[in-house]
Amino acid sequence: MIEGIGIEHFLVVSTLMFFIGVCGFIIRRNLITMLMSVELILNSVNINFLVFNRYLYPDQMQGHFFSLFIVGIAAAEASVAIALIINIYRNLNNIDVENVSEMKY
């Protein structure tokens, strides 16, 4: 099923995901949407690793291992970021970036 899809299709999807994530990170001012944008960027990088591994070195697994590391790092980053966002919301009752000027207790 994947044999009929060329590398350029995967790269177009990955590029669109990456730039949507960058635009979402720059334009949005809500911490949750910024976190979702970072996750979108990381997923686009995962697609690139898997696609280049599939088409350049189909008998090796380096792209898959890199993708697994990125998924683990993304999970740790998301858990720390959500803990910080919950703490900010408890203190300020708002999670907009403009209202978070100091990380004081």
Protein backbone atom coordinates (compact mmCIF):
# COMPACT_ATOMS: atom_id res chain seq x y z
CA MET A 1 0.00 0.00 0.00
CA ILE A 2 2.87 2.40 0.79
CA GLU A 3 4.72 1.34 -2.38
CA GLY A 4 2.36 3.45 -4.54
CA ILE A 5 2.98 6.61 -2.51
CA GLY A 6 6.11 8.53 -3.41
CA ILE A 7 8.57 10.19 -1.06
CA GLU A 8 7.41 13.64 -2.15
CA HIS A 9 3.90 13.02 -0.78
CA PHE A 10 5.26 12.24 2.66
CA LEU A 11 7.60 15.22 2.55
CA VAL A 12 4.75 17.58 1.56
CA VAL A 13 2.64 16.37 4.49
CA SER A 14 5.60 16.67 6.84
CA THR A 15 6.44 20.17 5.59
CA LEU A 16 2.84 21.31 5.99
CA MET A 17 2.72 19.92 9.52
CA PHE A 18 5.99 21.62 10.40
CA PHE A 19 4.95 25.05 9.14
CA ILE A 20 1.47 24.78 10.68
CA GLY A 21 3.21 24.02 13.98
CA VAL A 22 5.59 26.97 13.61
CA CYS A 23 2.75 29.33 12.69
CA GLY A 24 0.65 28.04 15.58
CA PHE A 25 3.52 28.59 17.98
CA ILE A 26 4.15 32.13 16.76
CA ILE A 27 0.55 33.29 16.30
CA ARG A 28 -1.25 31.73 19.26
CA ARG A 29 -0.93 33.14 22.76
CA ASN A 30 -2.45 30.28 24.73
CA LEU A 31 0.06 27.96 26.39
CA ILE A 32 -1.91 24.81 25.55
CA THR A 33 -2.07 25.63 21.83
CA MET A 34 1.62 26.48 21.87
CA LEU A 35 2.33 23.07 23.41
CA MET A 36 0.19 21.40 20.74
CA SER A 37 2.15 23.27 18.07
CA VAL A 38 5.45 21.97 19.45
CA GLU A 39 4.04 18.44 19.40
CA LEU A 40 3.01 18.96 15.76
CA ILE A 41 6.55 20.03 14.91
CA LEU A 42 8.00 16.96 16.63
CA ASN A 43 5.59 14.67 14.77
CA SER A 44 6.60 16.19 11.45
CA VAL A 45 10.24 15.43 12.29
CA ASN A 46 9.21 11.85 13.08
CA ILE A 47 7.63 11.52 9.64
CA ASN A 48 10.86 12.77 8.04
CA PHE A 49 12.98 10.25 9.96
CA LEU A 50 10.71 7.37 9.01
CA VAL A 51 10.37 8.37 5.36
CA PHE A 52 14.09 8.86 4.80
CA ASN A 53 14.81 5.59 6.55
CA ARG A 54 12.24 3.80 4.40
CA TYR A 55 13.46 5.15 1.08
CA LEU A 56 17.23 5.45 1.64
CA TYR A 57 17.97 2.50 3.93
CA PRO A 58 14.98 0.12 3.86
CA ASP A 59 16.90 -2.71 5.52
CA GLN A 60 18.04 -0.67 8.54
CA MET A 61 16.13 0.72 11.52
CA GLN A 62 17.89 3.95 12.54
CA GLY A 63 14.92 6.17 11.59
CA HIS A 64 12.61 4.08 13.73
CA PHE A 65 14.90 4.32 16.74
CA PHE A 66 15.24 8.09 16.35
CA SER A 67 11.46 8.34 16.16
CA LEU A 68 11.07 6.32 19.35
CA PHE A 69 13.50 8.63 21.15
CA ILE A 70 11.58 11.68 19.92
CA VAL A 71 8.30 10.18 21.12
CA GLY A 72 9.84 9.59 24.57
CA ILE A 73 11.25 13.11 24.72
CA ALA A 74 7.91 14.55 23.57
CA ALA A 75 6.07 12.65 26.29
CA ALA A 76 8.45 13.94 28.97
CA GLU A 77 8.26 17.47 27.57
CA ALA A 78 4.47 17.36 27.47
CA SER A 79 4.17 16.12 31.06
CA VAL A 80 6.50 18.83 32.39
CA ALA A 81 4.80 21.52 30.31
CA ILE A 82 1.31 20.50 31.42
CA ALA A 83 2.45 20.49 35.07
CA LEU A 84 3.80 24.03 34.61
CA ILE A 85 0.63 25.17 32.84
CA ILE A 86 -1.55 23.75 35.63
CA ASN A 87 0.59 25.54 38.23
CA ILE A 88 0.37 28.81 36.27
CA TYR A 89 -3.40 28.44 35.97
CA ARG A 90 -3.75 27.82 39.71
CA ASN A 91 -1.80 30.98 40.50
CA LEU A 92 -3.07 33.34 37.79
CA ASN A 93 -6.41 31.82 36.70
CA ASN A 94 -5.32 32.40 33.12
CA ILE A 95 -2.92 30.65 30.73
CA ASP A 96 -2.29 33.39 28.19
CA VAL A 97 1.34 34.14 27.48
CA GLU A 98 0.91 37.90 27.97
CA ASN A 99 -0.18 37.38 31.59
CA VAL A 100 2.78 35.17 32.49
CA SER A 101 5.63 37.59 33.00
CA GLU A 102 7.44 36.02 35.94
CA MET A 103 7.89 32.49 37.16
CA LYS A 104 7.65 33.45 40.82
CA TYR A 105 5.75 31.51 43.41
